[in-house]
Protein backbone atom coordinates (compact mmCIF):
# COMPACT_ATOMS: atom_id res chain seq x y z
CA MET A 1 -20.65 -12.85 -24.25
CA ASN A 2 -21.51 -9.04 -23.29
CA GLN A 3 -21.06 -9.40 -19.44
CA ARG A 4 -18.94 -6.86 -17.77
CA PRO A 5 -16.27 -7.56 -15.50
CA ARG A 6 -17.04 -8.51 -12.59
CA LEU A 7 -15.27 -7.13 -9.08
CA ILE A 8 -13.10 -9.78 -7.40
CA THR A 9 -15.00 -9.66 -4.02
CA GLU A 10 -18.22 -10.48 -6.10
CA LEU A 11 -16.55 -13.60 -7.27
CA PHE A 12 -15.48 -14.45 -3.96
CA LYS A 13 -18.45 -13.73 -1.99
CA GLY A 14 -19.71 -17.08 -1.90
CA LYS A 15 -16.95 -19.06 -1.23
CA GLN A 16 -16.16 -19.94 2.40
CA SER A 17 -12.13 -20.32 1.97
CA PHE A 18 -12.09 -17.04 0.18
CA ARG A 19 -14.05 -15.45 3.23
CA GLU A 20 -11.94 -17.27 5.75
CA LEU A 21 -8.63 -15.94 4.03
CA LEU A 22 -10.13 -12.37 3.94
CA SER A 23 -10.85 -12.37 7.34
CA GLN A 24 -7.44 -13.57 8.43
CA SER A 25 -6.15 -11.10 6.39
CA ARG A 26 -7.90 -8.19 8.07
CA GLU A 27 -6.98 -9.73 11.49
CA GLN A 28 -3.59 -9.73 10.78
CA GLU A 29 -3.47 -6.32 9.38
CA ARG A 30 -5.09 -5.02 12.58
CA LEU A 31 -2.49 -6.93 14.69
CA LEU A 32 0.23 -5.44 12.69
CA GLN A 33 -1.16 -2.05 13.50
CA GLN A 34 -1.89 -2.55 17.09
CA ILE A 35 2.08 -3.76 17.18
CA ARG A 36 3.18 -0.56 15.07
CA LEU A 37 1.78 1.56 17.83
CA LEU A 38 3.75 -0.42 20.40
CA ILE A 39 7.13 -0.11 18.60
CA PRO A 40 8.85 3.15 18.36
CA ALA A 41 9.42 5.29 15.34
CA PRO A 42 11.24 4.52 12.80
CA LEU A 43 11.47 0.99 13.55
CA ASN A 44 7.77 0.74 13.29
CA ALA A 45 7.62 1.79 9.67
CA HIS A 46 9.86 -0.84 8.64
CA CYS A 47 7.57 -3.73 10.20
CA THR A 48 5.76 -5.18 7.47
CA ALA A 49 3.40 -8.08 8.70
CA ALA A 50 2.62 -9.87 11.84
CA ILE A 51 1.47 -13.22 12.07
CA LYS A 52 0.11 -14.90 15.45
CA LYS A 53 0.40 -18.58 15.71
CA GLN A 54 -0.87 -19.68 19.05
CA THR A 55 1.19 -17.77 21.59
CA GLN A 56 3.93 -17.23 19.26
CA LEU A 57 4.12 -13.81 17.31
CA VAL A 58 5.94 -13.80 14.00
CA ILE A 59 7.17 -10.21 12.77
CA TYR A 60 8.35 -9.44 9.65
CA VAL A 61 10.65 -6.35 8.83
CA ASP A 62 12.28 -5.25 5.71
CA SER A 63 15.71 -5.60 6.24
CA SER A 64 18.19 -7.27 8.72
CA THR A 65 19.58 -4.30 10.20
CA TRP A 66 15.86 -3.46 11.40
CA ALA A 67 15.34 -7.23 12.38
CA SER A 68 18.23 -6.78 14.79
CA ARG A 69 16.52 -3.45 16.55
CA LEU A 70 13.69 -5.18 16.71
CA ARG A 71 14.93 -8.52 18.57
CA PHE A 72 16.52 -6.07 21.33
CA LEU A 73 13.05 -5.08 21.70
CA ALA A 74 11.48 -8.41 21.87
CA ARG A 75 11.29 -9.01 25.46
CA GLU A 76 9.68 -5.35 26.37
CA LEU A 77 7.14 -5.88 23.20
CA THR A 78 6.22 -9.36 24.71
CA ARG A 79 5.61 -7.31 28.20
CA GLN A 80 3.35 -4.65 26.04
CA LEU A 81 1.42 -6.80 24.19
CA LYS A 82 0.62 -8.79 27.25
CA SER A 83 -0.67 -5.57 28.99
CA HIS A 84 -2.89 -5.03 25.73
CA ASN A 85 -4.43 -8.67 26.36
CA LEU A 86 -2.59 -10.41 23.73
CA ALA A 87 -1.15 -13.68 24.87
CA VAL A 88 2.47 -13.88 23.70
CA ASP A 89 5.03 -15.98 25.09
CA ARG A 90 7.29 -15.50 22.20
CA ILE A 91 8.61 -13.26 19.49
CA THR A 92 10.24 -14.31 16.39
CA VAL A 93 11.69 -11.67 13.81
CA ARG A 94 12.23 -12.72 10.17
CA VAL A 95 13.10 -10.39 7.45
CA LEU A 96 10.78 -10.46 4.17
CA ILE A 97 12.60 -9.81 1.34
CA ASN A 98 11.00 -7.59 -1.31
CA ALA A 99 10.80 -8.50 -4.87
CA LYS A 100 11.57 -5.09 -6.02
CA PRO A 101 14.50 -3.48 -4.11
CA VAL A 102 14.23 -0.08 -2.38
CA VAL A 103 15.52 2.57 -4.90
CA THR A 104 17.30 5.36 -2.90
CA LYS A 105 16.96 8.85 -4.35
CA ARG A 106 20.48 10.38 -5.19
CA GLY A 107 21.21 14.13 -4.41
CA PRO A 108 22.32 16.17 -7.17
CA ILE A 109 25.74 15.56 -8.49
CA ARG A 110 28.04 18.53 -7.07
CA LYS A 111 30.59 19.88 -9.37
CA LEU A 112 34.16 21.18 -8.43
CA THR A 113 34.03 25.09 -8.59
CA PRO A 114 37.00 26.57 -9.86
CA GLU A 115 37.87 28.05 -6.45
CA ASN A 116 38.20 24.50 -4.88
CA ALA A 117 40.18 23.47 -7.56
CA SER A 118 42.87 26.13 -7.37
CA ILE A 119 42.78 25.15 -3.64
CA ILE A 120 43.48 21.54 -4.62
CA ASN A 121 46.10 22.52 -7.02
CA GLN A 122 47.79 25.03 -4.71
CA THR A 123 48.07 21.92 -1.99
CA ALA A 124 49.17 19.75 -4.38
CA ASP A 125 52.41 21.93 -5.12
CA GLY A 126 53.01 21.63 -1.53
CA ILE A 127 53.09 17.98 -1.30
CA SER A 128 56.22 15.96 -1.99
CA ASP A 129 54.85 12.70 -2.46
CA PRO A 130 54.63 12.28 -6.16
CA LEU A 131 51.60 9.79 -6.31
CA LEU A 132 49.85 11.92 -4.10
CA ARG A 133 50.45 15.00 -5.85
CA ALA A 134 49.70 13.58 -9.12
CA ALA A 135 46.45 12.21 -7.90
CA LEU A 136 45.45 15.90 -6.50
CA LYS A 137 46.15 17.44 -9.71
CA ARG A 138 43.89 14.95 -11.40
CA LEU A 139 41.16 16.13 -8.96
CA GLY A 140 41.76 19.52 -9.52
CA LYS A 141 41.63 19.44 -13.24
CA HIS A 142 37.83 18.77 -12.81
CA GLY A 143 37.25 22.15 -11.57
CA GLY A 144 36.31 23.76 -14.95
CA LYS A 145 38.88 26.62 -15.38
CA ASN A 146 41.84 26.13 -13.23
CA LYS A 147 43.63 29.43 -11.90
CA SER A 148 47.11 28.06 -11.71
């Protein structure tokens, strides 16, 4: 019971099926790196996986937007892969949905300066539409100290 934890690679060394999976995974990673070199930036950064099945290549990207862009380049990419001695007749592009959505960083919240609030209030005073004038006046109140 006093055994130290073993590394996962030690556990799987003797198993033929795990060695084959590891080899296949490394081969797919090499293929992905080779494909990324042929695809222009920033599209290449959005390619997440590549799997070759006979003469068909399946490329996974992280969003439908990038999938559409890659589909436009598929014919040219097929030619490039053939010139690099990779027998590919067809490229299929799929979207790989992430379990965790990408969180975009928002910039700092901007405050309305008193000077800009004053300009908005002055503009509101010259507007004849009562609804628009009221909306601009409400917006002008967010500027801290109003000069009008």
